[in-house]
Amino acid sequence: MNGTGSLIWEVIKAYLASRVAFVGFRWLNPRESQDDPDCAMGAVDLELGPDLVNYAGAFTLVLQRLDRRVNTDHPIFVYLGKCAERGESAAVTVTISVRRRERVE
């Protein structure tokens, strides 16, 4: 990464450090989920500060404009919206699915 990119990355990390609390990470058994049993799955538990909850809502609206499949009526987005209205932190879990894909030429 060049000097400017490195500086931007450091600014992002400093910004997020005061707004996101890492609670924990755990591996999930994909066979117990609806996902492909050949993938590896992990869950990251985060505590989002009020500022970041507001930005998450704005980010979701931008995503919805780019792709109509983003469902802003989903219960997680309703939860984030209520937290934003009250100015409270939000506790969320981000699930990561890792699987092999075919190379694109």
PDB file of N, CA and C in Angstrom:
ATOM      1  N   MET A   1       0.848  -1.165   0.000  1.00  0.00           N
ATOM      2  CA  MET A   1       0.000   0.000   0.000  1.00  0.00           C
ATOM      3  C   MET A   1       0.895   1.231   0.000  1.00  0.00           C
ATOM      4  N   ASN A   2       0.524   2.217  -0.765  1.00  0.00           N
ATOM      5  CA  ASN A   2       1.350   3.425  -0.828  1.00  0.00           C
ATOM      6  C   ASN A   2       1.148   4.291   0.413  1.00  0.00           C
ATOM      7  N   GLY A   3       1.882   5.355   0.531  1.00  0.00           N
ATOM      8  CA  GLY A   3       1.826   6.209   1.706  1.00  0.00           C
ATOM      9  C   GLY A   3       0.459   6.790   1.973  1.00  0.00           C
ATOM     10  N   THR A   4      -0.217   7.280   0.928  1.00  0.00           N
ATOM     11  CA  THR A   4      -1.543   7.862   1.087  1.00  0.00           C
ATOM     12  C   THR A   4      -2.549   6.800   1.514  1.00  0.00           C
ATOM     13  N   GLY A   5      -2.498   5.628   0.865  1.00  0.00           N
ATOM     14  CA  GLY A   5      -3.410   4.539   1.216  1.00  0.00           C
ATOM     15  C   GLY A   5      -3.204   4.079   2.645  1.00  0.00           C
ATOM     16  N   SER A   6      -1.946   4.042   3.074  1.00  0.00           N
ATOM     17  CA  SER A   6      -1.620   3.645   4.433  1.00  0.00           C
ATOM     18  C   SER A   6      -2.170   4.660   5.441  1.00  0.00           C
ATOM     19  N   LEU A   7      -2.043   5.929   5.121  1.00  0.00           N
ATOM     20  CA  LEU A   7      -2.557   6.979   5.994  1.00  0.00           C
ATOM     21  C   LEU A   7      -4.076   6.887   6.108  1.00  0.00           C
ATOM     22  N   ILE A   8      -4.754   6.686   4.994  1.00  0.00           N
ATOM     23  CA  ILE A   8      -6.214   6.562   5.001  1.00  0.00           C
ATOM     24  C   ILE A   8      -6.629   5.367   5.845  1.00  0.00           C
ATOM     25  N   TRP A   9      -5.937   4.235   5.699  1.00  0.00           N
ATOM     26  CA  TRP A   9      -6.253   3.039   6.475  1.00  0.00           C
ATOM     27  C   TRP A   9      -6.092   3.314   7.977  1.00  0.00           C
ATOM     28  N   GLU A  10      -5.048   4.042   8.366  1.00  0.00           N
ATOM     29  CA  GLU A  10      -4.818   4.369   9.778  1.00  0.00           C
ATOM     30  C   GLU A  10      -5.925   5.278  10.317  1.00  0.00           C
ATOM     31  N   VAL A  11      -6.389   6.218   9.503  1.00  0.00           N
ATOM     32  CA  VAL A  11      -7.483   7.103   9.909  1.00  0.00           C
ATOM     33  C   VAL A  11      -8.762   6.300  10.100  1.00  0.00           C
ATOM     34  N   ILE A  12      -9.040   5.368   9.195  1.00  0.00           N
ATOM     35  CA  ILE A  12     -10.237   4.520   9.309  1.00  0.00           C
ATOM     36  C   ILE A  12     -10.158   3.685  10.579  1.00  0.00           C
ATOM     37  N   LYS A  13      -9.002   3.071  10.844  1.00  0.00           N
ATOM     38  CA  LYS A  13      -8.860   2.256  12.049  1.00  0.00           C
ATOM     39  C   LYS A  13      -9.055   3.097  13.314  1.00  0.00           C
ATOM     40  N   ALA A  14      -8.501   4.300  13.340  1.00  0.00           N
ATOM     41  CA  ALA A  14      -8.651   5.176  14.507  1.00  0.00           C
ATOM     42  C   ALA A  14     -10.112   5.575  14.703  1.00  0.00           C
ATOM     43  N   TYR A  15     -10.815   5.849  13.593  1.00  0.00           N
ATOM     44  CA  TYR A  15     -12.226   6.213  13.665  1.00  0.00           C
ATOM     45  C   TYR A  15     -13.057   5.057  14.211  1.00  0.00           C
ATOM     46  N   LEU A  16     -12.842   3.859  13.671  1.00  0.00           N
ATOM     47  CA  LEU A  16     -13.625   2.698  14.090  1.00  0.00           C
ATOM     48  C   LEU A  16     -13.292   2.245  15.505  1.00  0.00           C
ATOM     49  N   ALA A  17     -12.066   2.454  15.945  1.00  0.00           N
ATOM     50  CA  ALA A  17     -11.650   1.993  17.271  1.00  0.00           C
ATOM     51  C   ALA A  17     -12.508   2.595  18.376  1.00  0.00           C
ATOM     52  N   SER A  18     -12.970   3.812  18.199  1.00  0.00           N
ATOM     53  CA  SER A  18     -13.786   4.448  19.230  1.00  0.00           C
ATOM     54  C   SER A  18     -15.281   4.195  19.027  1.00  0.00           C
ATOM     55  N   ARG A  19     -15.659   3.507  17.946  1.00  0.00           N
ATOM     56  CA  ARG A  19     -17.074   3.312  17.639  1.00  0.00           C
ATOM     57  C   ARG A  19     -17.498   1.853  17.549  1.00  0.00           C
ATOM     58  N   VAL A  20     -16.543   0.939  17.473  1.00  0.00           N
ATOM     59  CA  VAL A  20     -16.847  -0.495  17.378  1.00  0.00           C
ATOM     60  C   VAL A  20     -16.073  -1.227  18.458  1.00  0.00           C
ATOM     61  N   ALA A  21     -16.772  -2.038  19.230  1.00  0.00           N
ATOM     62  CA  ALA A  21     -16.114  -2.876  20.228  1.00  0.00           C
ATOM     63  C   ALA A  21     -16.198  -4.324  19.759  1.00  0.00           C
ATOM     64  N   PHE A  22     -15.050  -4.957  19.638  1.00  0.00           N
ATOM     65  CA  PHE A  22     -14.983  -6.367  19.263  1.00  0.00           C
ATOM     66  C   PHE A  22     -15.314  -7.184  20.503  1.00  0.00           C
ATOM     67  N   VAL A  23     -16.391  -7.963  20.444  1.00  0.00           N
ATOM     68  CA  VAL A  23     -16.825  -8.756  21.591  1.00  0.00           C
ATOM     69  C   VAL A  23     -16.226 -10.150  21.529  1.00  0.00           C
ATOM     70  N   GLY A  24     -16.238 -10.767  20.347  1.00  0.00           N
ATOM     71  CA  GLY A  24     -15.683 -12.108  20.239  1.00  0.00           C
ATOM     72  C   GLY A  24     -15.848 -12.693  18.848  1.00  0.00           C
ATOM     73  N   PHE A  25     -15.205 -13.844  18.647  1.00  0.00           N
ATOM     74  CA  PHE A  25     -15.285 -14.577  17.390  1.00  0.00           C
ATOM     75  C   PHE A  25     -15.483 -16.046  17.726  1.00  0.00           C
ATOM     76  N   ARG A  26     -16.300 -16.728  16.936  1.00  0.00           N
ATOM     77  CA  ARG A  26     -16.485 -18.166  17.123  1.00  0.00           C
ATOM     78  C   ARG A  26     -16.735 -18.822  15.776  1.00  0.00           C
ATOM     79  N   TRP A  27     -16.269 -20.048  15.648  1.00  0.00           N
ATOM     80  CA  TRP A  27     -16.528 -20.829  14.444  1.00  0.00           C
ATOM     81  C   TRP A  27     -17.907 -21.444  14.550  1.00  0.00           C
ATOM     82  N   LEU A  28     -18.632 -21.465  13.436  1.00  0.00           N
ATOM     83  CA  LEU A  28     -19.960 -22.068  13.381  1.00  0.00           C
ATOM     84  C   LEU A  28     -19.896 -23.356  12.581  1.00  0.00           C
ATOM     85  N   ASN A  29     -20.787 -24.271  12.887  1.00  0.00           N
ATOM     86  CA  ASN A  29     -20.889 -25.512  12.137  1.00  0.00           C
ATOM     87  C   ASN A  29     -21.824 -25.275  10.956  1.00  0.00           C
ATOM     88  N   PRO A  30     -21.306 -25.252   9.720  1.00  0.00           N
ATOM     89  CA  PRO A  30     -22.174 -24.961   8.563  1.00  0.00           C
ATOM     90  C   PRO A  30     -23.216 -26.041   8.323  1.00  0.00           C
ATOM     91  N   ARG A  31     -23.007 -27.236   8.837  1.00  0.00           N
ATOM     92  CA  ARG A  31     -23.988 -28.303   8.648  1.00  0.00           C
ATOM     93  C   ARG A  31     -25.290 -28.024   9.394  1.00  0.00           C
ATOM     94  N   GLU A  32     -25.221 -27.169  10.393  1.00  0.00           N
ATOM     95  CA  GLU A  32     -26.408 -26.806  11.158  1.00  0.00           C
ATOM     96  C   GLU A  32     -27.128 -25.601  10.567  1.00  0.00           C
ATOM     97  N   SER A  33     -26.593 -25.044   9.509  1.00  0.00           N
ATOM     98  CA  SER A  33     -27.199 -23.875   8.890  1.00  0.00           C
ATOM     99  C   SER A  33     -27.735 -24.240   7.517  1.00  0.00           C
ATOM    100  N   GLN A  34     -28.239 -23.242   6.835  1.00  0.00           N
ATOM    101  CA  GLN A  34     -28.764 -23.452   5.492  1.00  0.00           C
ATOM    102  C   GLN A  34     -27.680 -23.288   4.440  1.00  0.00           C
ATOM    103  N   ASP A  35     -26.465 -22.966   4.857  1.00  0.00           N
ATOM    104  CA  ASP A  35     -25.386 -22.743   3.909  1.00  0.00           C
ATOM    105  C   ASP A  35     -24.756 -24.055   3.469  1.00  0.00           C
ATOM    106  N   ASP A  36     -23.917 -23.966   2.500  1.00  0.00           N
ATOM    107  CA  ASP A  36     -23.195 -25.096   1.947  1.00  0.00           C
ATOM    108  C   ASP A  36     -22.345 -25.774   3.022  1.00  0.00           C
ATOM    109  N   PRO A  37     -22.479 -27.103   3.213  1.00  0.00           N
ATOM    110  CA  PRO A  37     -21.683 -27.777   4.240  1.00  0.00           C
ATOM    111  C   PRO A  37     -20.189 -27.805   3.927  1.00  0.00           C
ATOM    112  N   ASP A  38     -19.784 -27.426   2.716  1.00  0.00           N
ATOM    113  CA  ASP A  38     -18.366 -27.411   2.358  1.00  0.00           C
ATOM    114  C   ASP A  38     -17.697 -26.070   2.610  1.00  0.00           C
ATOM    115  N   CYS A  39     -18.401 -25.142   3.261  1.00  0.00           N
ATOM    116  CA  CYS A  39     -17.797 -23.847   3.529  1.00  0.00           C
ATOM    117  C   CYS A  39     -17.416 -23.748   5.007  1.00  0.00           C
ATOM    118  N   ALA A  40     -16.523 -22.842   5.304  1.00  0.00           N
ATOM    119  CA  ALA A  40     -16.154 -22.546   6.684  1.00  0.00           C
ATOM    120  C   ALA A  40     -16.917 -21.299   7.102  1.00  0.00           C
ATOM    121  N   MET A  41     -17.466 -21.327   8.298  1.00  0.00           N
ATOM    122  CA  MET A  41     -18.265 -20.194   8.750  1.00  0.00           C
ATOM    123  C   MET A  41     -17.791 -19.719  10.115  1.00  0.00           C
ATOM    124  N   GLY A  42     -17.756 -18.418  10.284  1.00  0.00           N
ATOM    125  CA  GLY A  42     -17.407 -17.826  11.566  1.00  0.00           C
ATOM    126  C   GLY A  42     -18.359 -16.694  11.878  1.00  0.00           C
ATOM    127  N   ALA A  43     -18.467 -16.366  13.148  1.00  0.00           N
ATOM    128  CA  ALA A  43     -19.331 -15.271  13.581  1.00  0.00           C
ATOM    129  C   ALA A  43     -18.501 -14.289  14.396  1.00  0.00           C
ATOM    130  N   VAL A  44     -18.605 -13.016  14.050  1.00  0.00           N
ATOM    131  CA  VAL A  44     -17.914 -11.946  14.763  1.00  0.00           C
ATOM    132  C   VAL A  44     -18.980 -11.145  15.502  1.00  0.00           C
ATOM    133  N   ASP A  45     -18.854 -11.076  16.820  1.00  0.00           N
ATOM    134  CA  ASP A  45     -19.793 -10.305  17.633  1.00  0.00           C
ATOM    135  C   ASP A  45     -19.223  -8.907  17.837  1.00  0.00           C
ATOM    136  N   LEU A  46     -20.042  -7.897  17.513  1.00  0.00           N
ATOM    137  CA  LEU A  46     -19.608  -6.502  17.589  1.00  0.00           C
ATOM    138  C   LEU A  46     -20.609  -5.680  18.384  1.00  0.00           C
ATOM    139  N   GLU A  47     -20.119  -4.659  19.019  1.00  0.00           N
ATOM    140  CA  GLU A  47     -20.953  -3.654  19.660  1.00  0.00           C
ATOM    141  C   GLU A  47     -20.718  -2.367  18.878  1.00  0.00           C
ATOM    142  N   LEU A  48     -21.755  -1.883  18.185  1.00  0.00           N
ATOM    143  CA  LEU A  48     -21.642  -0.677  17.367  1.00  0.00           C
ATOM    144  C   LEU A  48     -22.078   0.534  18.168  1.00  0.00           C
ATOM    145  N   GLY A  49     -21.257   1.560  18.183  1.00  0.00           N
ATOM    146  CA  GLY A  49     -21.610   2.797  18.865  1.00  0.00           C
ATOM    147  C   GLY A  49     -22.713   3.539  18.132  1.00  0.00           C
ATOM    148  N   PRO A  50     -23.378   4.476  18.803  1.00  0.00           N
ATOM    149  CA  PRO A  50     -24.493   5.209  18.187  1.00  0.00           C
ATOM    150  C   PRO A  50     -24.146   5.884  16.864  1.00  0.00           C
ATOM    151  N   ASP A  51     -22.948   6.479  16.767  1.00  0.00           N
ATOM    152  CA  ASP A  51     -22.557   7.135  15.508  1.00  0.00           C
ATOM    153  C   ASP A  51     -22.511   6.136  14.362  1.00  0.00           C
ATOM    154  N   LEU A  52     -21.909   4.982  14.632  1.00  0.00           N
ATOM    155  CA  LEU A  52     -21.772   3.977  13.583  1.00  0.00           C
ATOM    156  C   LEU A  52     -23.116   3.361  13.210  1.00  0.00           C
ATOM    157  N   VAL A  53     -24.036   3.277  14.167  1.00  0.00           N
ATOM    158  CA  VAL A  53     -25.386   2.782  13.861  1.00  0.00           C
ATOM    159  C   VAL A  53     -26.051   3.710  12.860  1.00  0.00           C
ATOM    160  N   ASN A  54     -25.881   5.021  13.040  1.00  0.00           N
ATOM    161  CA  ASN A  54     -26.449   5.985  12.084  1.00  0.00           C
ATOM    162  C   ASN A  54     -25.840   5.811  10.702  1.00  0.00           C
ATOM    163  N   TYR A  55     -24.513   5.641  10.644  1.00  0.00           N
ATOM    164  CA  TYR A  55     -23.847   5.459   9.352  1.00  0.00           C
ATOM    165  C   TYR A  55     -24.253   4.141   8.698  1.00  0.00           C
ATOM    166  N   ALA A  56     -24.502   3.114   9.502  1.00  0.00           N
ATOM    167  CA  ALA A  56     -24.935   1.824   8.952  1.00  0.00           C
ATOM    168  C   ALA A  56     -26.277   1.979   8.240  1.00  0.00           C
ATOM    169  N   GLY A  57     -27.173   2.769   8.816  1.00  0.00           N
ATOM    170  CA  GLY A  57     -28.463   3.009   8.177  1.00  0.00           C
ATOM    171  C   GLY A  57     -28.309   3.738   6.858  1.00  0.00           C
ATOM    172  N   ALA A  58     -27.463   4.742   6.826  1.00  0.00           N
ATOM    173  CA  ALA A  58     -27.220   5.487   5.580  1.00  0.00           C
ATOM    174  C   ALA A  58     -26.572   4.580   4.538  1.00  0.00           C
ATOM    175  N   PHE A  59     -25.616   3.760   4.972  1.00  0.00           N
ATOM    176  CA  PHE A  59     -24.939   2.831   4.070  1.00  0.00           C
ATOM    177  C   PHE A  59     -25.935   1.831   3.474  1.00  0.00           C
ATOM    178  N   THR A  60     -26.865   1.356   4.291  1.00  0.00           N
ATOM    179  CA  THR A  60     -27.882   0.411   3.821  1.00  0.00           C
ATOM    180  C   THR A  60     -28.771   1.056   2.756  1.00  0.00           C
ATOM    181  N   LEU A  61     -29.134   2.310   2.956  1.00  0.00           N
ATOM    182  CA  LEU A  61     -29.965   2.991   1.957  1.00  0.00           C
ATOM    183  C   LEU A  61     -29.227   3.154   0.633  1.00  0.00           C
ATOM    184  N   VAL A  62     -27.923   3.420   0.700  1.00  0.00           N
ATOM    185  CA  VAL A  62     -27.128   3.511  -0.528  1.00  0.00           C
ATOM    186  C   VAL A  62     -27.089   2.145  -1.217  1.00  0.00           C
ATOM    187  N   LEU A  63     -26.874   1.084  -0.436  1.00  0.00           N
ATOM    188  CA  LEU A  63     -26.865  -0.265  -1.015  1.00  0.00           C
ATOM    189  C   LEU A  63     -28.191  -0.602  -1.686  1.00  0.00           C
ATOM    190  N   GLN A  64     -29.296  -0.187  -1.068  1.00  0.00           N
ATOM    191  CA  GLN A  64     -30.603  -0.472  -1.642  1.00  0.00           C
ATOM    192  C   GLN A  64     -30.788   0.241  -2.983  1.00  0.00           C
ATOM    193  N   ARG A  65     -30.240   1.412  -3.110  1.00  0.00           N
ATOM    194  CA  ARG A  65     -30.335   2.109  -4.401  1.00  0.00           C
ATOM    195  C   ARG A  65     -29.542   1.401  -5.484  1.00  0.00           C
ATOM    196  N   LEU A  66     -28.432   0.759  -5.080  1.00  0.00           N
ATOM    197  CA  LEU A  66     -27.599   0.048  -6.050  1.00  0.00           C
ATOM    198  C   LEU A  66     -28.148  -1.334  -6.379  1.00  0.00           C
ATOM    199  N   ASP A  67     -28.822  -1.959  -5.423  1.00  0.00           N
ATOM    200  CA  ASP A  67     -29.329  -3.321  -5.618  1.00  0.00           C
ATOM    201  C   ASP A  67     -30.638  -3.464  -4.854  1.00  0.00           C
ATOM    202  N   ARG A  68     -31.715  -3.639  -5.574  1.00  0.00           N
ATOM    203  CA  ARG A  68     -33.053  -3.713  -4.978  1.00  0.00           C
ATOM    204  C   ARG A  68     -33.263  -4.946  -4.095  1.00  0.00           C
ATOM    205  N   ARG A  69     -32.336  -5.911  -4.120  1.00  0.00           N
ATOM    206  CA  ARG A  69     -32.477  -7.101  -3.275  1.00  0.00           C
ATOM    207  C   ARG A  69     -32.203  -6.799  -1.806  1.00  0.00           C
ATOM    208  N   VAL A  70     -31.618  -5.624  -1.506  1.00  0.00           N
ATOM    209  CA  VAL A  70     -31.378  -5.243  -0.115  1.00  0.00           C
ATOM    210  C   VAL A  70     -32.736  -4.941   0.515  1.00  0.00           C
ATOM    211  N   ASN A  71     -33.090  -5.714   1.537  1.00  0.00           N
ATOM    212  CA  ASN A  71     -34.392  -5.600   2.178  1.00  0.00           C
ATOM    213  C   ASN A  71     -34.267  -4.766   3.451  1.00  0.00           C
ATOM    214  N   THR A  72     -34.599  -3.492   3.366  1.00  0.00           N
ATOM    215  CA  THR A  72     -34.484  -2.616   4.533  1.00  0.00           C
ATOM    216  C   THR A  72     -35.605  -2.858   5.542  1.00  0.00           C
ATOM    217  N   ASP A  73     -36.588  -3.683   5.202  1.00  0.00           N
ATOM    218  CA  ASP A  73     -37.642  -4.046   6.151  1.00  0.00           C
ATOM    219  C   ASP A  73     -37.253  -5.260   6.988  1.00  0.00           C
ATOM    220  N   HIS A  74     -36.070  -5.807   6.742  1.00  0.00           N
ATOM    221  CA  HIS A  74     -35.586  -6.965   7.496  1.00  0.00           C
ATOM    222  C   HIS A  74     -35.482  -6.586   8.974  1.00  0.00           C
ATOM    223  N   PRO A  75     -35.768  -7.512   9.891  1.00  0.00           N
ATOM    224  CA  PRO A  75     -35.733  -7.197  11.328  1.00  0.00           C
ATOM    225  C   PRO A  75     -34.405  -6.613  11.822  1.00  0.00           C
ATOM    226  N   ILE A  76     -33.278  -6.995  11.253  1.00  0.00           N
ATOM    227  CA  ILE A  76     -32.001  -6.437  11.716  1.00  0.00           C
ATOM    228  C   ILE A  76     -31.906  -4.950  11.409  1.00  0.00           C
ATOM    229  N   PHE A  77     -32.424  -4.533  10.251  1.00  0.00           N
ATOM    230  CA  PHE A  77     -32.389  -3.121   9.906  1.00  0.00           C
ATOM    231  C   PHE A  77     -33.409  -2.325  10.722  1.00  0.00           C
ATOM    232  N   VAL A  78     -34.533  -2.948  11.059  1.00  0.00           N
ATOM    233  CA  VAL A  78     -35.506  -2.298  11.945  1.00  0.00           C
ATOM    234  C   VAL A  78     -34.871  -2.089  13.321  1.00  0.00           C
ATOM    235  N   TYR A  79     -34.167  -3.121  13.803  1.00  0.00           N
ATOM    236  CA  TYR A  79     -33.464  -3.025  15.091  1.00  0.00           C
ATOM    237  C   TYR A  79     -32.431  -1.899  15.069  1.00  0.00           C
ATOM    238  N   LEU A  80     -31.614  -1.846  14.027  1.00  0.00           N
ATOM    239  CA  LEU A  80     -30.604  -0.787  13.912  1.00  0.00           C
ATOM    240  C   LEU A  80     -31.258   0.592  13.843  1.00  0.00           C
ATOM    241  N   GLY A  81     -32.374   0.684  13.134  1.00  0.00           N
ATOM    242  CA  GLY A  81     -33.092   1.959  13.038  1.00  0.00           C
ATOM    243  C   GLY A  81     -33.614   2.424  14.384  1.00  0.00           C
ATOM    244  N   LYS A  82     -34.158   1.502  15.177  1.00  0.00           N
ATOM    245  CA  LYS A  82     -34.663   1.861  16.509  1.00  0.00           C
ATOM    246  C   LYS A  82     -33.521   2.292  17.417  1.00  0.00           C
ATOM    247  N   CYS A  83     -32.391   1.603  17.327  1.00  0.00           N
ATOM    248  CA  CYS A  83     -31.218   2.000  18.126  1.00  0.00           C
ATOM    249  C   CYS A  83     -30.754   3.391  17.718  1.00  0.00           C
ATOM    250  N   ALA A  84     -30.769   3.676  16.423  1.00  0.00           N
ATOM    251  CA  ALA A  84     -30.345   4.994  15.935  1.00  0.00           C
ATOM    252  C   ALA A  84     -31.288   6.083  16.438  1.00  0.00           C
ATOM    253  N   GLU A  85     -32.605   5.812  16.426  1.00  0.00           N
ATOM    254  CA  GLU A  85     -33.572   6.801  16.904  1.00  0.00           C
ATOM    255  C   GLU A  85     -33.366   7.135  18.371  1.00  0.00           C
ATOM    256  N   ARG A  86     -33.011   6.125  19.167  1.00  0.00           N
ATOM    257  CA  ARG A  86     -32.808   6.324  20.608  1.00  0.00           C
ATOM    258  C   ARG A  86     -31.388   6.781  20.932  1.00  0.00           C
ATOM    259  N   GLY A  87     -30.490   6.783  19.939  1.00  0.00           N
ATOM    260  CA  GLY A  87     -29.102   7.167  20.174  1.00  0.00           C
ATOM    261  C   GLY A  87     -28.345   6.147  21.008  1.00  0.00           C
ATOM    262  N   GLU A  88     -28.699   4.859  20.843  1.00  0.00           N
ATOM    263  CA  GLU A  88     -28.097   3.784  21.624  1.00  0.00           C
ATOM    264  C   GLU A  88     -27.129   2.962  20.785  1.00  0.00           C
ATOM    265  N   SER A  89     -26.279   2.218  21.474  1.00  0.00           N
ATOM    266  CA  SER A  89     -25.410   1.253  20.806  1.00  0.00           C
ATOM    267  C   SER A  89     -26.247   0.073  20.335  1.00  0.00           C
ATOM    268  N   ALA A  90     -25.694  -0.692  19.396  1.00  0.00           N
ATOM    269  CA  ALA A  90     -26.378  -1.881  18.890  1.00  0.00           C
ATOM    270  C   ALA A  90     -25.421  -3.070  18.976  1.00  0.00           C
ATOM    271  N   ALA A  91     -25.940  -4.200  19.421  1.00  0.00           N
ATOM    272  CA  ALA A  91     -25.157  -5.431  19.479  1.00  0.00           C
ATOM    273  C   ALA A  91     -25.520  -6.268  18.254  1.00  0.00           C
ATOM    274  N   VAL A  92     -24.529  -6.589  17.426  1.00  0.00           N
ATOM    275  CA  VAL A  92     -24.774  -7.354  16.201  1.00  0.00           C
ATOM    276  C   VAL A  92     -23.747  -8.476  16.064  1.00  0.00           C
ATOM    277  N   THR A  93     -24.122  -9.464  15.288  1.00  0.00           N
ATOM    278  CA  THR A  93     -23.214 -10.545  14.926  1.00  0.00           C
ATOM    279  C   THR A  93     -23.101 -10.561  13.413  1.00  0.00           C
ATOM    280  N   VAL A  94     -21.872 -10.539  12.913  1.00  0.00           N
ATOM    281  CA  VAL A  94     -21.616 -10.610  11.475  1.00  0.00           C
ATOM    282  C   VAL A  94     -21.162 -12.033  11.188  1.00  0.00           C
ATOM    283  N   THR A  95     -21.878 -12.718  10.288  1.00  0.00           N
ATOM    284  CA  THR A  95     -21.532 -14.086   9.928  1.00  0.00           C
ATOM    285  C   THR A  95     -20.723 -14.064   8.642  1.00  0.00           C
ATOM    286  N   ILE A  96     -19.606 -14.772   8.661  1.00  0.00           N
ATOM    287  CA  ILE A  96     -18.703 -14.820   7.515  1.00  0.00           C
ATOM    288  C   ILE A  96     -18.706 -16.243   6.970  1.00  0.00           C
ATOM    289  N   SER A  97     -18.929 -16.368   5.684  1.00  0.00           N
ATOM    290  CA  SER A  97     -18.909 -17.666   5.020  1.00  0.00           C
ATOM    291  C   SER A  97     -17.761 -17.684   4.023  1.00  0.00           C
ATOM    292  N   VAL A  98     -16.880 -18.655   4.167  1.00  0.00           N
ATOM    293  CA  VAL A  98     -15.719 -18.752   3.280  1.00  0.00           C
ATOM    294  C   VAL A  98     -15.830 -20.039   2.492  1.00  0.00           C
ATOM    295  N   ARG A  99     -15.803 -19.930   1.173  1.00  0.00           N
ATOM    296  CA  ARG A  99     -15.863 -21.123   0.319  1.00  0.00           C
ATOM    297  C   ARG A  99     -15.033 -20.895  -0.926  1.00  0.00           C
ATOM    298  N   ARG A 100     -14.624 -21.965  -1.504  1.00  0.00           N
ATOM    299  CA  ARG A 100     -13.843 -21.884  -2.746  1.00  0.00           C
ATOM    300  C   ARG A 100     -14.764 -21.526  -3.901  1.00  0.00           C
ATOM    301  N   ARG A 101     -14.260 -20.761  -4.836  1.00  0.00           N
ATOM    302  CA  ARG A 101     -15.022 -20.432  -6.043  1.00  0.00           C
ATOM    303  C   ARG A 101     -14.151 -20.675  -7.254  1.00  0.00           C
ATOM    304  N   GLU A 102     -14.785 -20.742  -8.388  1.00  0.00           N
ATOM    305  CA  GLU A 102     -14.047 -20.925  -9.642  1.00  0.00           C
ATOM    306  C   GLU A 102     -13.392 -19.608 -10.012  1.00  0.00           C
ATOM    307  N   ARG A 103     -12.192 -19.700 -10.585  1.00  0.00           N
ATOM    308  CA  ARG A 103     -11.486 -18.508 -11.042  1.00  0.00           C
ATOM    309  C   ARG A 103     -12.217 -17.877 -12.221  1.00  0.00           C
ATOM    310  N   VAL A 104     -12.210 -16.559 -12.237  1.00  0.00           N
ATOM    311  CA  VAL A 104     -12.781 -15.818 -13.355  1.00  0.00           C
ATOM    312  C   VAL A 104     -11.627 -15.378 -14.236  1.00  0.00           C
ATOM    313  N   GLU A 105     -11.692 -15.748 -15.495  1.00  0.00           N
ATOM    314  CA  GLU A 105     -10.611 -15.414 -16.446  1.00  0.00           C
ATOM    315  C   GLU A 105     -10.807 -14.033 -17.016  1.00  0.00           C
TER     316      GLU A 105
END
